[in-house]
Amino acid sequence: MSQRRDAALATLRRLGLEAAVVSGGDPPDDRVAPLLDGPDAAALADALGELGGEGAARLLAERAATSGERAVRKALRRALFRLGQRGVAVPIVEPAPQPPPVVGPELEGFVSAFDGRGDRLIWLVRARSAGGVELLAAEVNEPAGLRDVRLVEASRKDLRAARERLQKETGLRLVPADWRVLDALVVEAHERAGAPDRQRDYLRLRPRLVSTPPATPTEPRSAQAHPPTEDERPALLADPAPLLALPELRTWWPRPEAAAPFVEELTAVRDSPIVLGRMQQEERLAAVLARAAAELFPPDAVARRLEGTAYVLAETGRGAAARQALAAAQELRAGTRPADVPLLRALLQQALGTLLASEESRRQEERRGSLVLTPAEAVTDPRSSRPGRTRA
């Protein structure tokens, strides 16, 4: 009995649900429901069967009536039986209807990490009975939705060559993922994009690959990198340098045109003719950086980009970096300001620092040989002490 309880507590702790159960209640439905659709469904069901109450029994019964995966259904029913043994009232579970079959052979799914614009690639591949494959290639943006989708015929050799070329030319790696998860993400992206034209109409192409209803959209999760616990998070967040060094994040700097207004503000604070104390200047600079981070790194979109990228990192043998990315996503989900997340703060400082240096170089070139000095130059430029110069 103790071993089963300990194992259940360990599972809930890993999934961040221990506190609610230990305090005598059930984890909130909005936290549990998405996990029951993911790779941890069976383990979570077993844990709730051991420690859950009537709320958990109701949610497990609902899932047992609708789940299409046999292994998950068995785990859900096992958990409900265990809850009944413990004296918890368990709703009656009606047999789950059998889902319609997948059209043709089983699909394969592939997904890339997000790039700096929030774009990623999703491939769904189905073998053709006559040889070769049908490839559905979608370009999905977070948060804008589906940008492009195409269905083409290709050979396995063509697919391998395309993946190798993508990695060599752009640094994007396409890694295998559950096609059901990816299908749900493309359906969601289609709906988010609004009324698409034919080049972006996934729902028109989807019946050629699959006839099952789409799952609830959620990011793929890797067994190679479990989400960090709250206690582990600070250490994972402290030093973002290893994560920033990865090719997947080398394009995550904000676009220069989007950052330009904040560069102008920072330059204005630095060059202000009003003499500011060091503390005042730092406060103004910090306020500009906080606004820049909030606008250039929208929390919900960036959290999802980090979660999607973490999957690719984990599936390519970089579990430690994946957990760093997940920790940063958790901070954003918890309401932490983007400027206070070390990874995003470092990205912002690098981007704005580079743009500031470029702007300063341009200004110096324009002003070379000028007789007029700015207030900042009047203080620092040795020419200001020479006769015949005019100060602005």
Protein backbone atom coordinates (compact mmCIF):
# COMPACT_ATOMS: atom_id res chain seq x y z
CA MET A 1 0.00 0.00 0.00
CA SER A 2 2.75 2.43 0.96
CA GLN A 3 4.65 1.72 -2.24
CA ARG A 4 1.58 2.41 -4.38
CA ARG A 5 0.92 5.67 -2.54
CA ASP A 6 4.57 6.72 -2.85
CA ALA A 7 4.52 5.97 -6.59
CA ALA A 8 1.29 7.96 -6.98
CA LEU A 9 2.74 10.94 -5.09
CA ALA A 10 5.88 10.82 -7.24
CA THR A 11 3.78 10.96 -10.42
CA LEU A 12 1.69 13.88 -9.15
CA ARG A 13 4.81 15.68 -8.00
CA ARG A 14 6.41 15.28 -11.42
CA LEU A 15 3.30 16.67 -13.08
CA GLY A 16 2.99 19.56 -10.61
CA LEU A 17 -0.28 18.28 -9.08
CA GLU A 18 0.86 17.05 -5.67
CA ALA A 19 -0.14 20.08 -3.62
CA ALA A 20 -3.88 19.81 -4.26
CA VAL A 21 -4.01 16.11 -3.37
CA VAL A 22 -1.87 16.43 -0.25
CA SER A 23 -4.16 19.21 1.01
CA GLY A 24 -7.12 16.83 0.82
CA GLY A 25 -8.68 17.85 -2.48
CA ASP A 26 -8.56 16.97 -6.15
CA PRO A 27 -6.35 18.75 -8.71
CA PRO A 28 -8.37 21.29 -10.74
CA ASP A 29 -9.98 19.91 -13.89
CA ASP A 30 -8.26 22.47 -16.12
CA ARG A 31 -4.87 21.17 -14.98
CA VAL A 32 -5.73 17.47 -15.18
CA ALA A 33 -7.79 17.34 -18.40
CA PRO A 34 -4.96 18.28 -20.82
CA LEU A 35 -2.63 15.75 -19.18
CA LEU A 36 -5.19 12.97 -19.66
CA ASP A 37 -4.92 13.62 -23.40
CA GLY A 38 -1.12 13.39 -23.40
CA PRO A 39 1.63 10.82 -22.95
CA ASP A 40 1.28 10.82 -19.14
CA ALA A 41 -2.41 9.83 -19.23
CA ALA A 42 -2.01 6.25 -17.96
CA ALA A 43 0.43 7.18 -15.17
CA LEU A 44 -1.80 10.07 -14.06
CA ALA A 45 -4.89 7.85 -14.04
CA ASP A 46 -3.13 5.31 -11.80
CA ALA A 47 -2.05 8.09 -9.41
CA LEU A 48 -5.56 9.56 -9.19
CA GLY A 49 -6.99 6.10 -8.63
CA GLU A 50 -4.77 5.82 -5.58
CA LEU A 51 -5.15 9.35 -4.17
CA GLY A 52 -8.07 11.07 -5.92
CA GLY A 53 -11.59 11.79 -4.71
CA GLU A 54 -15.04 12.26 -6.26
CA GLY A 55 -13.84 15.06 -8.57
CA ALA A 56 -11.12 12.82 -9.97
CA ALA A 57 -13.62 9.95 -10.33
CA ARG A 58 -15.98 12.13 -12.38
CA LEU A 59 -13.20 13.33 -14.69
CA LEU A 60 -11.74 9.83 -15.14
CA ALA A 61 -15.19 8.45 -15.94
CA GLU A 62 -15.74 11.12 -18.61
CA ARG A 63 -12.39 10.30 -20.20
CA ALA A 64 -13.01 6.55 -20.03
CA ALA A 65 -16.21 7.06 -22.01
CA THR A 66 -14.53 9.03 -24.78
CA SER A 67 -10.89 7.91 -25.00
CA GLY A 68 -10.01 6.24 -28.27
CA GLU A 69 -6.74 4.64 -27.13
CA ARG A 70 -7.11 1.16 -25.72
CA ALA A 71 -4.17 1.35 -23.30
CA VAL A 72 -5.42 4.65 -21.85
CA ARG A 73 -8.99 3.32 -21.53
CA LYS A 74 -7.69 0.33 -19.58
CA ALA A 75 -5.71 2.61 -17.23
CA LEU A 76 -8.77 4.83 -16.69
CA ARG A 77 -11.01 1.86 -15.89
CA ARG A 78 -8.37 0.42 -13.57
CA ALA A 79 -8.21 3.75 -11.73
CA LEU A 80 -12.00 3.90 -11.40
CA PHE A 81 -12.06 0.37 -9.99
CA ARG A 82 -9.40 1.37 -7.44
CA LEU A 83 -11.39 4.47 -6.46
CA GLY A 84 -14.46 2.27 -5.90
CA GLN A 85 -12.40 -0.04 -3.69
CA ARG A 86 -11.44 2.98 -1.59
CA GLY A 87 -15.11 3.92 -1.10
CA VAL A 88 -15.23 6.81 -3.55
CA ALA A 89 -18.49 7.19 -5.48
CA VAL A 90 -17.75 6.29 -9.11
CA PRO A 91 -20.06 7.27 -12.02
CA ILE A 92 -21.17 4.54 -14.42
CA VAL A 93 -18.95 4.41 -17.51
CA GLU A 94 -20.71 3.74 -20.80
CA PRO A 95 -18.68 1.80 -23.39
CA ALA A 96 -16.62 4.12 -25.57
CA PRO A 97 -17.73 4.17 -29.22
CA GLN A 98 -15.15 2.85 -31.62
CA PRO A 99 -13.61 5.68 -33.66
CA PRO A 100 -13.76 5.51 -37.45
CA PRO A 101 -10.67 3.92 -38.95
CA VAL A 102 -7.79 5.89 -40.32
CA VAL A 103 -7.97 6.12 -44.09
CA GLY A 104 -5.21 3.92 -45.45
CA PRO A 105 -2.00 2.99 -43.60
CA GLU A 106 -1.01 4.65 -40.34
CA LEU A 107 0.32 8.17 -40.69
CA GLU A 108 3.75 9.39 -39.66
CA GLY A 109 4.31 12.82 -38.16
CA PHE A 110 7.33 15.13 -38.11
CA VAL A 111 7.74 18.56 -36.52
CA SER A 112 10.44 21.22 -36.31
CA ALA A 113 11.29 23.71 -33.57
CA PHE A 114 10.00 27.28 -33.82
CA ASP A 115 12.15 29.91 -35.47
CA GLY A 116 12.49 33.56 -34.46
CA ARG A 117 9.31 34.60 -36.29
CA GLY A 118 7.24 31.94 -34.52
CA ASP A 119 7.09 29.63 -37.57
CA ARG A 120 7.56 25.87 -37.60
CA LEU A 121 7.05 23.02 -40.03
CA ILE A 122 4.69 20.08 -39.56
CA TRP A 123 4.72 17.08 -41.88
CA LEU A 124 2.14 14.31 -42.10
CA VAL A 125 3.25 11.37 -44.25
CA ARG A 126 1.18 8.45 -45.56
CA ALA A 127 2.57 5.56 -47.60
CA ARG A 128 0.93 5.02 -50.98
CA SER A 129 -0.05 1.51 -52.04
CA ALA A 130 1.54 2.17 -55.45
CA GLY A 131 4.83 3.18 -53.83
CA GLY A 132 6.20 6.42 -52.48
CA VAL A 133 4.33 8.63 -50.03
CA GLU A 134 1.84 11.45 -49.81
CA LEU A 135 3.33 14.37 -47.89
CA LEU A 136 1.22 17.05 -46.29
CA ALA A 137 3.57 19.91 -45.41
CA ALA A 138 2.21 22.74 -43.24
CA GLU A 139 3.86 25.96 -42.11
CA VAL A 140 2.33 27.03 -38.81
CA ASN A 141 2.88 30.28 -36.93
CA GLU A 142 2.38 30.93 -33.25
CA PRO A 143 0.15 32.88 -32.73
CA ALA A 144 -1.01 33.78 -36.28
CA GLY A 145 -1.99 30.23 -37.31
CA LEU A 146 -1.65 28.37 -40.59
CA ARG A 147 0.49 30.16 -43.17
CA ASP A 148 0.68 27.49 -45.86
CA VAL A 149 -0.26 23.85 -46.44
CA ARG A 150 0.39 21.59 -49.45
CA LEU A 151 -0.19 17.94 -50.28
CA VAL A 152 2.31 16.38 -52.69
CA GLU A 153 3.52 12.97 -53.79
CA ALA A 154 7.16 12.13 -53.11
CA SER A 155 9.56 9.26 -52.57
CA ARG A 156 11.21 8.32 -49.27
CA LYS A 157 14.48 9.45 -50.79
CA ASP A 158 12.97 12.87 -51.52
CA LEU A 159 11.83 13.17 -47.90
CA ARG A 160 15.26 12.32 -46.51
CA ALA A 161 16.92 14.79 -48.87
CA ALA A 162 14.45 17.54 -47.93
CA ARG A 163 15.05 17.00 -44.19
CA GLU A 164 18.82 17.06 -44.67
CA ARG A 165 18.63 20.21 -46.78
CA LEU A 166 16.45 21.98 -44.23
CA GLN A 167 18.87 21.21 -41.42
CA LYS A 168 21.90 22.24 -43.45
CA GLU A 169 20.45 25.49 -44.83
CA THR A 170 18.21 26.69 -41.99
CA GLY A 171 19.22 24.68 -38.91
CA LEU A 172 15.68 23.29 -38.58
CA ARG A 173 15.47 19.61 -37.66
CA LEU A 174 12.31 17.64 -38.34
CA VAL A 175 11.83 14.98 -35.67
CA PRO A 176 9.16 12.26 -35.42
CA ALA A 177 6.07 13.01 -33.32
CA ASP A 178 2.62 11.49 -32.81
CA TRP A 179 0.64 12.36 -35.95
CA ARG A 180 -2.57 12.78 -33.91
CA VAL A 181 -0.96 15.54 -31.87
CA LEU A 182 0.36 17.25 -35.00
CA ASP A 183 -2.94 16.88 -36.84
CA ALA A 184 -4.72 18.62 -33.96
CA LEU A 185 -2.19 21.46 -34.05
CA VAL A 186 -2.72 22.02 -37.78
CA VAL A 187 -6.52 21.97 -37.36
CA GLU A 188 -6.17 24.57 -34.59
CA ALA A 189 -3.84 26.66 -36.76
CA HIS A 190 -6.33 26.47 -39.66
CA GLU A 191 -9.13 27.78 -37.42
CA ARG A 192 -6.94 30.49 -35.93
CA ALA A 193 -5.96 31.82 -39.37
CA GLY A 194 -9.60 32.66 -40.18
CA ALA A 195 -11.11 32.08 -43.61
CA PRO A 196 -8.14 30.68 -45.54
CA ASP A 197 -7.63 30.56 -49.26
CA ARG A 198 -7.08 27.24 -51.03
CA GLN A 199 -3.35 27.28 -50.33
CA ARG A 200 -4.09 27.40 -46.61
CA ASP A 201 -7.17 25.18 -46.41
CA TYR A 202 -6.12 22.18 -44.30
CA LEU A 203 -9.68 21.02 -43.72
CA ARG A 204 -10.10 20.58 -47.49
CA LEU A 205 -7.03 18.32 -47.67
CA ARG A 206 -7.41 16.49 -44.36
CA PRO A 207 -10.00 13.88 -45.49
CA ARG A 208 -7.47 12.54 -48.00
CA LEU A 209 -5.30 11.42 -45.08
CA VAL A 210 -7.54 10.70 -42.10
CA SER A 211 -11.20 10.45 -41.13
CA THR A 212 -10.91 10.46 -37.31
CA PRO A 213 -12.05 13.57 -35.39
CA PRO A 214 -9.10 15.77 -34.35
CA ALA A 215 -7.79 15.53 -30.80
CA THR A 216 -7.61 18.44 -28.36
CA PRO A 217 -4.64 20.60 -29.46
CA THR A 218 -1.63 20.36 -27.18
CA GLU A 219 2.10 20.55 -27.69
CA PRO A 220 3.91 17.21 -28.12
CA ARG A 221 5.71 16.04 -25.01
CA SER A 222 8.85 13.96 -24.87
CA ALA A 223 9.56 11.18 -22.41
CA GLN A 224 13.20 12.29 -22.60
CA ALA A 225 12.53 15.54 -20.66
CA HIS A 226 9.96 15.67 -17.89
CA PRO A 227 8.59 19.11 -16.95
CA PRO A 228 10.62 20.67 -14.11
CA THR A 229 9.15 20.83 -10.64
CA GLU A 230 8.74 24.19 -8.93
CA ASP A 231 11.82 23.47 -6.80
CA GLU A 232 13.95 22.66 -9.85
CA ARG A 233 12.93 25.70 -11.82
CA PRO A 234 15.22 28.41 -10.31
CA ALA A 235 18.42 26.48 -11.07
CA LEU A 236 17.29 25.78 -14.64
CA LEU A 237 16.45 29.44 -15.22
CA ALA A 238 19.60 30.91 -13.69
CA ASP A 239 21.99 30.53 -16.63
CA PRO A 240 20.36 30.72 -20.08
CA ALA A 241 23.71 30.80 -21.93
CA PRO A 242 23.72 27.07 -22.89
CA LEU A 243 20.22 27.44 -24.35
CA LEU A 244 21.09 30.62 -26.25
CA ALA A 245 24.07 28.87 -27.83
CA LEU A 246 21.87 26.30 -29.59
CA PRO A 247 21.14 26.69 -33.33
CA GLU A 248 17.39 26.43 -32.66
CA LEU A 249 17.47 29.74 -30.79
CA ARG A 250 19.90 31.67 -32.95
CA THR A 251 17.04 33.39 -34.82
CA TRP A 252 14.95 34.20 -31.73
CA TRP A 253 16.04 37.83 -31.65
CA PRO A 254 13.16 40.27 -32.27
CA ARG A 255 12.91 41.71 -35.77
CA PRO A 256 14.84 45.00 -36.14
CA GLU A 257 11.78 46.90 -37.36
CA ALA A 258 9.79 45.78 -34.31
CA ALA A 259 12.61 46.68 -31.92
CA ALA A 260 13.39 50.04 -33.58
CA PRO A 261 11.00 52.18 -31.48
CA PHE A 262 12.57 50.89 -28.27
CA VAL A 263 16.07 51.51 -29.60
CA GLU A 264 15.02 55.11 -30.23
CA GLU A 265 13.68 55.40 -26.67
CA LEU A 266 16.87 53.99 -25.17
CA THR A 267 18.96 56.38 -27.27
CA ALA A 268 16.79 59.31 -26.17
CA VAL A 269 17.23 58.43 -22.49
CA ARG A 270 20.98 58.11 -22.91
CA ASP A 271 21.32 61.36 -24.90
CA SER A 272 18.80 63.39 -22.89
CA PRO A 273 19.91 67.00 -22.36
CA ILE A 274 18.37 66.79 -18.89
CA VAL A 275 21.04 65.67 -16.43
CA LEU A 276 19.79 62.49 -14.75
CA GLY A 277 21.25 60.75 -11.76
CA ARG A 278 22.49 57.23 -12.31
CA MET A 279 19.52 55.74 -10.46
CA GLN A 280 16.99 57.81 -12.45
CA GLN A 281 18.58 56.83 -15.74
CA GLU A 282 18.62 53.14 -14.79
CA GLU A 283 14.94 53.33 -13.79
CA ARG A 284 14.00 54.85 -17.15
CA LEU A 285 16.05 52.29 -19.05
CA ALA A 286 14.48 49.45 -17.05
CA ALA A 287 10.99 50.75 -17.82
CA VAL A 288 11.77 50.82 -21.55
CA LEU A 289 13.20 47.28 -21.42
CA ALA A 290 10.15 45.98 -19.55
CA ARG A 291 7.78 47.40 -22.18
CA ALA A 292 9.99 46.10 -24.98
CA ALA A 293 10.03 42.59 -23.52
CA ALA A 294 6.25 42.53 -23.08
CA GLU A 295 5.64 43.63 -26.69
CA LEU A 296 8.42 41.72 -28.43
CA PHE A 297 7.94 38.49 -26.44
CA PRO A 298 4.15 38.04 -25.92
CA PRO A 299 3.95 35.57 -23.00
CA ASP A 300 1.38 33.06 -24.26
CA ALA A 301 2.90 32.80 -27.73
CA VAL A 302 6.49 32.56 -26.46
CA ALA A 303 5.56 29.96 -23.81
CA ARG A 304 4.13 27.76 -26.53
CA ARG A 305 7.14 28.30 -28.77
CA LEU A 306 9.39 27.24 -25.90
CA GLU A 307 7.29 24.11 -25.24
CA GLY A 308 7.35 23.11 -28.91
CA THR A 309 11.07 23.74 -29.20
CA ALA A 310 11.70 21.79 -25.98
CA TYR A 311 10.18 18.70 -27.62
CA VAL A 312 12.62 18.88 -30.53
CA LEU A 313 15.57 19.45 -28.19
CA ALA A 314 14.61 16.44 -26.06
CA GLU A 315 14.06 14.17 -29.05
CA THR A 316 17.51 15.08 -30.42
CA GLY A 317 19.36 14.13 -27.23
CA ARG A 318 19.48 17.55 -25.56
CA GLY A 319 17.31 16.87 -22.53
CA ALA A 320 19.01 19.39 -20.23
CA ALA A 321 18.39 22.24 -22.69
CA ALA A 322 14.81 21.02 -23.19
CA ARG A 323 14.14 21.28 -19.45
CA GLN A 324 15.60 24.81 -19.44
CA ALA A 325 13.16 25.78 -22.18
CA LEU A 326 10.28 24.17 -20.29
CA ALA A 327 11.25 26.03 -17.11
CA ALA A 328 11.14 29.35 -18.97
CA ALA A 329 7.72 28.43 -20.43
CA GLN A 330 6.45 27.56 -16.95
CA GLU A 331 7.56 30.98 -15.66
CA LEU A 332 5.58 32.72 -18.38
CA ARG A 333 2.54 30.50 -17.75
CA ALA A 334 2.78 31.43 -14.07
CA GLY A 335 2.49 35.14 -14.91
CA THR A 336 6.13 36.21 -14.65
CA ARG A 337 6.86 39.29 -16.79
CA PRO A 338 8.94 38.48 -19.89
CA ALA A 339 11.58 41.00 -18.73
CA ASP A 340 12.02 38.95 -15.54
CA VAL A 341 12.63 35.63 -17.31
CA PRO A 342 16.44 35.35 -17.65
CA LEU A 343 16.32 33.73 -21.10
CA LEU A 344 14.13 36.47 -22.60
CA ARG A 345 16.00 39.22 -20.80
CA ALA A 346 19.27 37.96 -22.28
CA LEU A 347 17.73 37.73 -25.77
CA LEU A 348 16.40 41.27 -25.46
CA GLN A 349 19.66 42.72 -24.17
CA GLN A 350 21.65 41.07 -26.94
CA ALA A 351 19.24 42.27 -29.63
CA LEU A 352 18.89 45.84 -28.41
CA GLY A 353 22.60 46.07 -27.64
CA THR A 354 23.47 45.08 -31.21
CA LEU A 355 20.94 47.52 -32.66
CA LEU A 356 22.14 50.34 -30.38
CA ALA A 357 25.73 49.76 -31.43
CA SER A 358 24.71 49.78 -35.09
CA GLU A 359 22.70 52.98 -34.64
CA GLU A 360 25.57 54.67 -32.80
CA SER A 361 28.00 53.71 -35.55
CA ARG A 362 25.63 55.14 -38.18
CA ARG A 363 25.22 58.37 -36.26
CA GLN A 364 28.95 58.80 -35.77
CA GLU A 365 29.50 58.29 -39.48
CA GLU A 366 26.88 60.90 -40.32
CA ARG A 367 28.30 63.37 -37.85
CA ARG A 368 31.93 62.88 -38.75
CA GLY A 369 33.42 66.32 -39.36
CA SER A 370 30.29 68.12 -38.12
CA LEU A 371 30.78 71.39 -36.22
CA VAL A 372 27.66 70.73 -34.12
CA LEU A 373 27.81 68.48 -31.06
CA THR A 374 24.96 66.75 -29.27
CA PRO A 375 24.66 67.25 -25.47
CA ALA A 376 26.24 63.82 -24.87
CA GLU A 377 29.07 64.57 -27.29
CA ALA A 378 29.61 67.98 -25.73
CA VAL A 379 30.50 66.25 -22.46
CA THR A 380 32.70 63.50 -23.89
CA ASP A 381 34.15 64.78 -27.18
CA PRO A 382 37.55 66.50 -26.84
CA ARG A 383 36.55 68.84 -29.67
CA SER A 384 34.16 70.58 -27.28
CA SER A 385 37.06 72.29 -25.49
CA ARG A 386 38.42 73.82 -28.69
CA PRO A 387 37.51 77.36 -29.78
CA GLY A 388 35.28 77.84 -32.81
CA ARG A 389 32.98 74.84 -32.10
CA THR A 390 29.27 75.30 -31.57
CA ARG A 391 27.46 73.24 -28.97
CA ALA A 392 23.91 72.09 -29.61
